[in-house]
Amino acid sequence: MGVAWTGSEESFQEFIDKYGLTFPQISDDSGSVYTRFEIAYQPALVIVKADGSRESVAGSVNGDLLDQIIREAS
């Protein structure tokens, strides 16, 4: 799930369209999702594992790194 921290609905939709995002997106103007997962920056990736533990990665993630993270989390 993608989480946008701040910005207008227009810029939010432009980002989704520009990158062809097909997974669910939510707006988090209050910052409550970022606070819950202790993320203070964008971009960031949080993997929530089946046992509830999580792994955070600061910065953008390319396809190879994402595949590795998913394999290790399984």
N, C-alpha and C. Protein backbone atom coordinates (compact mmCIF):
# COMPACT_ATOMS: atom_id res chain seq x y z
N MET A 1 0.84 -1.15 0.00
CA MET A 1 0.00 0.00 0.00
C MET A 1 0.90 1.22 0.00
N GLY A 2 0.55 2.19 -0.81
CA GLY A 2 1.28 3.45 -0.84
C GLY A 2 0.64 4.44 0.11
N VAL A 3 1.48 5.21 0.78
CA VAL A 3 0.98 6.20 1.73
C VAL A 3 1.62 7.54 1.42
N ALA A 4 0.79 8.52 1.09
CA ALA A 4 1.28 9.88 0.83
C ALA A 4 1.16 10.68 2.11
N TRP A 5 2.20 11.42 2.44
CA TRP A 5 2.20 12.15 3.69
C TRP A 5 1.41 13.45 3.59
N THR A 6 1.79 14.33 2.69
CA THR A 6 1.10 15.60 2.55
C THR A 6 1.00 15.98 1.09
N GLY A 7 0.18 16.94 0.81
CA GLY A 7 0.04 17.45 -0.54
C GLY A 7 -1.41 17.50 -0.94
N SER A 8 -1.64 18.09 -2.09
CA SER A 8 -3.00 18.21 -2.59
C SER A 8 -3.45 16.90 -3.23
N GLU A 9 -4.76 16.73 -3.33
CA GLU A 9 -5.30 15.54 -4.00
C GLU A 9 -4.83 15.49 -5.46
N GLU A 10 -4.71 16.67 -6.08
CA GLU A 10 -4.26 16.74 -7.47
C GLU A 10 -2.83 16.23 -7.61
N SER A 11 -1.92 16.67 -6.75
CA SER A 11 -0.53 16.20 -6.84
C SER A 11 -0.43 14.72 -6.49
N PHE A 12 -1.26 14.27 -5.57
CA PHE A 12 -1.32 12.86 -5.19
C PHE A 12 -1.70 12.02 -6.41
N GLN A 13 -2.76 12.42 -7.12
CA GLN A 13 -3.21 11.67 -8.29
C GLN A 13 -2.20 11.77 -9.43
N GLU A 14 -1.55 12.92 -9.60
CA GLU A 14 -0.52 13.07 -10.63
C GLU A 14 0.63 12.09 -10.40
N PHE A 15 1.04 11.92 -9.15
CA PHE A 15 2.11 10.99 -8.82
C PHE A 15 1.70 9.56 -9.17
N ILE A 16 0.49 9.18 -8.81
CA ILE A 16 -0.03 7.84 -9.11
C ILE A 16 -0.04 7.62 -10.61
N ASP A 17 -0.53 8.59 -11.35
CA ASP A 17 -0.61 8.46 -12.81
C ASP A 17 0.77 8.44 -13.45
N LYS A 18 1.66 9.32 -12.99
CA LYS A 18 3.01 9.42 -13.56
C LYS A 18 3.76 8.09 -13.46
N TYR A 19 3.62 7.41 -12.33
CA TYR A 19 4.37 6.18 -12.11
C TYR A 19 3.54 4.92 -12.36
N GLY A 20 2.31 5.09 -12.83
CA GLY A 20 1.46 3.95 -13.17
C GLY A 20 1.20 3.02 -11.99
N LEU A 21 1.02 3.59 -10.82
CA LEU A 21 0.83 2.77 -9.62
C LEU A 21 -0.53 2.07 -9.68
N THR A 22 -0.52 0.78 -9.43
CA THR A 22 -1.75 0.00 -9.50
C THR A 22 -2.14 -0.59 -8.14
N PHE A 23 -1.31 -0.41 -7.14
CA PHE A 23 -1.65 -0.92 -5.81
C PHE A 23 -2.36 0.18 -5.03
N PRO A 24 -3.09 -0.16 -3.97
CA PRO A 24 -3.86 0.83 -3.22
C PRO A 24 -2.99 1.96 -2.67
N GLN A 25 -3.55 3.17 -2.68
CA GLN A 25 -2.88 4.37 -2.18
C GLN A 25 -3.80 5.06 -1.17
N ILE A 26 -3.21 5.58 -0.11
CA ILE A 26 -3.99 6.38 0.84
C ILE A 26 -3.24 7.67 1.13
N SER A 27 -3.98 8.68 1.50
CA SER A 27 -3.42 9.96 1.90
C SER A 27 -3.35 9.98 3.43
N ASP A 28 -2.22 10.43 3.96
CA ASP A 28 -2.02 10.45 5.41
C ASP A 28 -1.64 11.86 5.86
N ASP A 29 -2.50 12.83 5.54
CA ASP A 29 -2.19 14.22 5.89
C ASP A 29 -1.95 14.40 7.38
N SER A 30 -2.60 13.62 8.21
CA SER A 30 -2.41 13.75 9.66
C SER A 30 -1.07 13.17 10.12
N GLY A 31 -0.48 12.31 9.29
CA GLY A 31 0.79 11.68 9.66
C GLY A 31 0.63 10.49 10.59
N SER A 32 -0.60 10.04 10.82
CA SER A 32 -0.82 8.97 11.80
C SER A 32 -0.21 7.63 11.35
N VAL A 33 -0.24 7.34 10.06
CA VAL A 33 0.36 6.09 9.58
C VAL A 33 1.87 6.17 9.73
N TYR A 34 2.44 7.30 9.35
CA TYR A 34 3.89 7.46 9.49
C TYR A 34 4.31 7.37 10.95
N THR A 35 3.54 7.96 11.84
CA THR A 35 3.84 7.89 13.27
C THR A 35 3.75 6.46 13.77
N ARG A 36 2.71 5.76 13.38
CA ARG A 36 2.52 4.37 13.83
C ARG A 36 3.70 3.48 13.45
N PHE A 37 4.26 3.71 12.25
CA PHE A 37 5.36 2.87 11.78
C PHE A 37 6.72 3.54 11.97
N GLU A 38 6.74 4.66 12.72
CA GLU A 38 7.97 5.36 13.07
C GLU A 38 8.79 5.76 11.85
N ILE A 39 8.11 6.32 10.85
CA ILE A 39 8.76 6.79 9.64
C ILE A 39 8.70 8.31 9.64
N ALA A 40 9.86 8.95 9.49
CA ALA A 40 9.92 10.41 9.54
C ALA A 40 10.35 11.01 8.21
N TYR A 41 10.26 10.26 7.12
CA TYR A 41 10.79 10.72 5.84
C TYR A 41 10.08 10.02 4.69
N GLN A 42 10.22 10.59 3.52
CA GLN A 42 9.76 9.96 2.28
C GLN A 42 10.90 10.05 1.30
N PRO A 43 11.12 9.11 0.45
CA PRO A 43 10.44 7.82 0.41
C PRO A 43 10.99 6.86 1.47
N ALA A 44 10.17 5.92 1.80
CA ALA A 44 10.54 4.86 2.73
C ALA A 44 9.68 3.65 2.43
N LEU A 45 10.14 2.49 2.84
CA LEU A 45 9.41 1.25 2.64
C LEU A 45 9.34 0.54 3.98
N VAL A 46 8.16 0.06 4.32
CA VAL A 46 7.99 -0.74 5.53
C VAL A 46 7.38 -2.06 5.12
N ILE A 47 8.04 -3.14 5.50
CA ILE A 47 7.53 -4.49 5.28
C ILE A 47 7.00 -4.97 6.63
N VAL A 48 5.72 -5.31 6.68
CA VAL A 48 5.13 -5.86 7.89
C VAL A 48 5.03 -7.37 7.70
N LYS A 49 5.72 -8.11 8.53
CA LYS A 49 5.78 -9.57 8.41
C LYS A 49 4.57 -10.22 9.09
N ALA A 50 4.34 -11.46 8.79
CA ALA A 50 3.19 -12.20 9.33
C ALA A 50 3.17 -12.20 10.85
N ASP A 51 4.33 -12.18 11.48
CA ASP A 51 4.39 -12.19 12.95
C ASP A 51 4.21 -10.80 13.56
N GLY A 52 3.99 -9.79 12.70
CA GLY A 52 3.78 -8.43 13.17
C GLY A 52 5.05 -7.59 13.25
N SER A 53 6.21 -8.23 13.13
CA SER A 53 7.45 -7.46 13.13
C SER A 53 7.54 -6.71 11.81
N ARG A 54 8.40 -5.70 11.78
CA ARG A 54 8.51 -4.93 10.56
C ARG A 54 9.95 -4.54 10.29
N GLU A 55 10.20 -4.29 9.03
CA GLU A 55 11.51 -3.86 8.56
C GLU A 55 11.31 -2.58 7.78
N SER A 56 12.11 -1.56 8.06
CA SER A 56 12.01 -0.29 7.37
C SER A 56 13.25 -0.06 6.52
N VAL A 57 13.04 0.52 5.35
CA VAL A 57 14.14 0.86 4.45
C VAL A 57 13.99 2.34 4.10
N ALA A 58 15.02 3.13 4.37
CA ALA A 58 14.99 4.55 4.02
C ALA A 58 15.34 4.72 2.55
N GLY A 59 14.62 5.59 1.88
CA GLY A 59 14.91 5.88 0.48
C GLY A 59 14.09 5.02 -0.47
N SER A 60 14.30 5.26 -1.74
CA SER A 60 13.56 4.51 -2.75
C SER A 60 14.16 3.12 -2.90
N VAL A 61 13.36 2.21 -3.40
CA VAL A 61 13.77 0.81 -3.54
C VAL A 61 13.56 0.38 -4.99
N ASN A 62 14.61 -0.18 -5.60
CA ASN A 62 14.44 -0.67 -6.97
C ASN A 62 13.87 -2.09 -6.93
N GLY A 63 13.53 -2.61 -8.10
CA GLY A 63 12.89 -3.91 -8.19
C GLY A 63 13.71 -5.04 -7.60
N ASP A 64 15.01 -5.04 -7.84
CA ASP A 64 15.86 -6.12 -7.32
C ASP A 64 15.88 -6.12 -5.78
N LEU A 65 16.03 -4.93 -5.19
CA LEU A 65 16.05 -4.85 -3.73
C LEU A 65 14.69 -5.23 -3.16
N LEU A 66 13.62 -4.80 -3.81
CA LEU A 66 12.28 -5.15 -3.34
C LEU A 66 12.09 -6.67 -3.38
N ASP A 67 12.50 -7.31 -4.46
CA ASP A 67 12.40 -8.77 -4.55
C ASP A 67 13.17 -9.44 -3.42
N GLN A 68 14.38 -8.95 -3.13
CA GLN A 68 15.20 -9.52 -2.05
C GLN A 68 14.51 -9.35 -0.70
N ILE A 69 13.97 -8.17 -0.43
CA ILE A 69 13.30 -7.92 0.84
C ILE A 69 12.10 -8.84 1.00
N ILE A 70 11.33 -9.02 -0.05
CA ILE A 70 10.15 -9.89 0.01
C ILE A 70 10.57 -11.33 0.25
N ARG A 71 11.61 -11.79 -0.44
CA ARG A 71 12.09 -13.17 -0.23
C ARG A 71 12.52 -13.37 1.21
N GLU A 72 13.25 -12.42 1.76
CA GLU A 72 13.75 -12.54 3.13
C GLU A 72 12.64 -12.45 4.17
N ALA A 73 11.57 -11.74 3.84
CA ALA A 73 10.46 -11.58 4.77
C ALA A 73 9.54 -12.79 4.78
N SER A 74 9.62 -13.61 3.76
CA SER A 74 8.72 -14.77 3.64
C SER A 74 9.10 -15.88 4.59
